[in-house]
Structures are given as structure tokens and as C-alpha cells.
Amino acid sequence: MRIVTMVAALLVAGAAGAADKDCTKADAANAQKALDRAANWTQMQKAWQDYKHCDSAATGELFTDALMRLIIDWKNVDAFSTAMKDPPFHEFVFAHLASPAAKDDIGDVYSRAKSSCPKGQETFCAELAEAAKPKK
């Protein structure tokens, strides 16, 4: 329960920081294109850096979909772990894991983190699994 509260607080804090810049229609369209093209963690992190101010409503769901797609692919976990060392990106990812838009994929995230963790990434996988742990 503490994780859910923490994630909710981070989501609010992240939204407040992103509110410094308005998301124009052009920004939202460009965010969608960047997220559609995000095929690795470097591209995902770049899309977030460029368009985090658009991380709400429909574009927020696109961020969640792109994140879930990359996590479910479970490729380049080392790069994912490295990207997560950036505290604001870490908060962004965990907030989206807790979002309603992730509910259909969260079980797969948990499964991959628990059963397919690459050697040397045990701490990262344990944290990810805890965030994706099925709620009772």
C-alpha cells in the first residue's frame, strides 16, 4: 500500500513539474510520433525528456502503452536499468506502472521481472517486480 501512495505522490509531483510548459496540439502529435518510434530505452527516455509536459490524458496513455510495449519485450534490460538511474525518469516509469492504462499488462511485467531477470540486475528486477506485484 505504501508503494501505491508513493507512486501517487510522485505522479502528482511529476505533473506539477511538467505543467511548467503547455502541451500544444503540435507537441501532442510529435509526442505520439516519438512514442510510436520508441523501439529502445534510449528513444523512450528521449521521448519522455522532449514531451513530458504532454504526459496527461490521451498522450499520457500513449506514454503508458509505449512503456508497457518496451517492458513486455524485455530486451536490453541493462539499458532499462541504466535509464532508471535517472530519478525523474524512474518516477515517471513507476507512475505509469501504477496507472489504470497499465492494468492489462502489469501481470506480464511482474512475470518477466520475477522469472527472466538477467544476471547482475537482481536488485532492479526485484524493485520492478514489487511495483508490478498483483494487488490482492
Protein backbone atom coordinates (compact mmCIF):
# COMPACT_ATOMS: atom_id res chain seq x y z
CA MET A 1 0.00 0.00 0.00
CA ARG A 2 2.90 2.30 0.78
CA ILE A 3 4.15 1.93 -2.81
CA VAL A 4 0.77 2.96 -4.23
CA THR A 5 0.75 6.06 -2.03
CA MET A 6 4.33 6.88 -3.00
CA VAL A 7 3.59 6.42 -6.70
CA ALA A 8 0.51 8.63 -6.47
CA ALA A 9 2.56 11.35 -4.79
CA LEU A 10 5.23 11.05 -7.46
CA LEU A 11 2.62 11.28 -10.21
CA VAL A 12 1.27 14.50 -8.71
CA ALA A 13 4.79 15.91 -8.30
CA GLY A 14 5.69 14.94 -11.86
CA ALA A 15 2.53 16.51 -13.23
CA ALA A 16 3.29 19.73 -11.37
CA GLY A 17 6.78 19.87 -12.87
CA ALA A 18 5.52 19.12 -16.35
CA ALA A 19 2.86 21.82 -16.02
CA ASP A 20 5.55 24.49 -16.45
CA LYS A 21 5.10 24.18 -20.22
CA ASP A 22 1.84 23.84 -22.12
CA CYS A 23 1.35 20.87 -24.41
CA THR A 24 0.31 22.25 -27.77
CA LYS A 25 -1.51 20.18 -30.39
CA ALA A 26 1.77 20.03 -32.32
CA ASP A 27 3.60 18.81 -29.20
CA ALA A 28 0.99 16.10 -28.64
CA ALA A 29 1.25 14.99 -32.27
CA ASN A 30 5.05 14.96 -32.10
CA ALA A 31 4.93 13.05 -28.82
CA GLN A 32 2.73 10.42 -30.44
CA LYS A 33 5.19 10.05 -33.33
CA ALA A 34 8.17 9.83 -30.96
CA LEU A 35 6.41 7.23 -28.82
CA ASP A 36 5.39 5.19 -31.86
CA ARG A 37 9.06 5.12 -32.93
CA ALA A 38 10.45 4.36 -29.45
CA ALA A 39 12.00 0.94 -30.04
CA ASN A 40 14.57 1.04 -27.24
CA TRP A 41 15.16 2.64 -23.86
CA THR A 42 17.29 5.48 -25.20
CA GLN A 43 14.49 6.51 -27.58
CA MET A 44 11.87 6.14 -24.83
CA GLN A 45 13.84 8.29 -22.42
CA LYS A 46 14.39 10.91 -25.16
CA ALA A 47 10.66 10.98 -25.99
CA TRP A 48 9.90 11.49 -22.30
CA GLN A 49 12.51 14.24 -21.97
CA ASP A 50 11.16 16.06 -25.02
CA TYR A 51 7.44 15.64 -24.32
CA LYS A 52 6.98 15.03 -20.59
CA HIS A 53 4.94 18.22 -20.48
CA CYS A 54 2.34 16.31 -22.54
CA ASP A 55 2.14 13.39 -20.10
CA SER A 56 -1.57 13.54 -19.33
CA ALA A 57 -4.90 12.47 -20.79
CA ALA A 58 -4.63 10.70 -24.16
CA THR A 59 -0.92 11.39 -24.57
CA GLY A 60 -0.32 10.04 -21.06
CA GLU A 61 -1.94 6.80 -22.13
CA LEU A 62 0.37 6.71 -25.16
CA PHE A 63 3.32 7.02 -22.80
CA THR A 64 1.97 4.09 -20.79
CA ASP A 65 1.41 2.00 -23.92
CA ALA A 66 4.94 2.67 -25.18
CA LEU A 67 6.44 1.83 -21.78
CA MET A 68 4.46 -1.38 -21.49
CA ARG A 69 5.46 -2.40 -25.02
CA LEU A 70 9.16 -1.98 -24.21
CA ILE A 71 8.94 -3.66 -20.82
CA ILE A 72 6.95 -6.61 -22.16
CA ASP A 73 9.53 -7.05 -24.97
CA TRP A 74 12.04 -7.45 -22.11
CA LYS A 75 15.02 -6.64 -24.32
CA ASN A 76 18.04 -4.63 -23.22
CA VAL A 77 17.17 -4.84 -19.55
CA ASP A 78 20.62 -3.42 -18.79
CA ALA A 79 19.71 -0.26 -20.75
CA PHE A 80 16.35 -0.09 -18.95
CA SER A 81 18.10 -0.38 -15.60
CA THR A 82 20.57 2.35 -16.59
CA ALA A 83 17.77 4.68 -17.70
CA MET A 84 16.02 4.10 -14.37
CA LYS A 85 19.01 5.55 -12.53
CA ASP A 86 17.69 8.97 -13.58
CA PRO A 87 15.34 9.76 -10.65
CA PRO A 88 12.72 11.73 -12.63
CA PHE A 89 12.58 9.01 -15.32
CA HIS A 90 12.32 6.38 -12.59
CA GLU A 91 9.35 8.25 -11.08
CA PHE A 92 7.74 8.57 -14.50
CA VAL A 93 8.03 4.82 -15.20
CA PHE A 94 6.71 3.79 -11.79
CA ALA A 95 3.81 6.23 -12.01
CA HIS A 96 2.82 4.70 -15.34
CA LEU A 97 3.14 1.17 -13.97
CA ALA A 98 0.52 2.18 -11.39
CA SER A 99 -1.79 3.80 -13.94
CA PRO A 100 -5.09 2.21 -14.95
CA ALA A 101 -3.85 2.07 -18.56
CA ALA A 102 -1.19 -0.48 -17.49
CA LYS A 103 -3.60 -2.91 -15.82
CA ASP A 104 -3.81 -5.34 -18.74
CA ASP A 105 -0.02 -5.71 -18.95
CA ILE A 106 1.11 -5.39 -15.34
CA GLY A 107 1.00 -9.16 -14.77
CA ASP A 108 3.39 -9.69 -17.68
CA VAL A 109 5.75 -7.07 -16.24
CA TYR A 110 5.70 -8.86 -12.89
CA SER A 111 6.31 -12.23 -14.55
CA ARG A 112 9.28 -11.02 -16.58
CA ALA A 113 10.88 -9.26 -13.62
CA LYS A 114 10.46 -12.36 -11.43
CA SER A 115 11.38 -15.11 -13.88
CA SER A 116 13.60 -13.63 -16.59
CA CYS A 117 15.95 -11.32 -14.74
CA PRO A 118 19.39 -11.01 -16.36
CA LYS A 119 22.40 -11.74 -14.20
CA GLY A 120 23.53 -8.65 -12.35
CA GLN A 121 20.10 -6.98 -12.47
CA GLU A 122 18.54 -8.73 -9.47
CA THR A 123 18.06 -5.55 -7.43
CA PHE A 124 16.48 -3.73 -10.37
CA CYS A 125 14.22 -6.68 -11.18
CA ALA A 126 13.13 -7.02 -7.55
CA GLU A 127 12.15 -3.34 -7.45
CA LEU A 128 10.28 -3.64 -10.74
CA ALA A 129 8.52 -6.82 -9.60
CA GLU A 130 7.45 -5.12 -6.35
CA ALA A 131 5.98 -2.21 -8.31
CA ALA A 132 4.15 -4.62 -10.64
CA LYS A 133 3.07 -7.07 -7.95
CA PRO A 134 -0.53 -8.15 -8.38
CA LYS A 135 -2.84 -6.40 -5.93
CA LYS A 136 -4.93 -8.59 -3.66
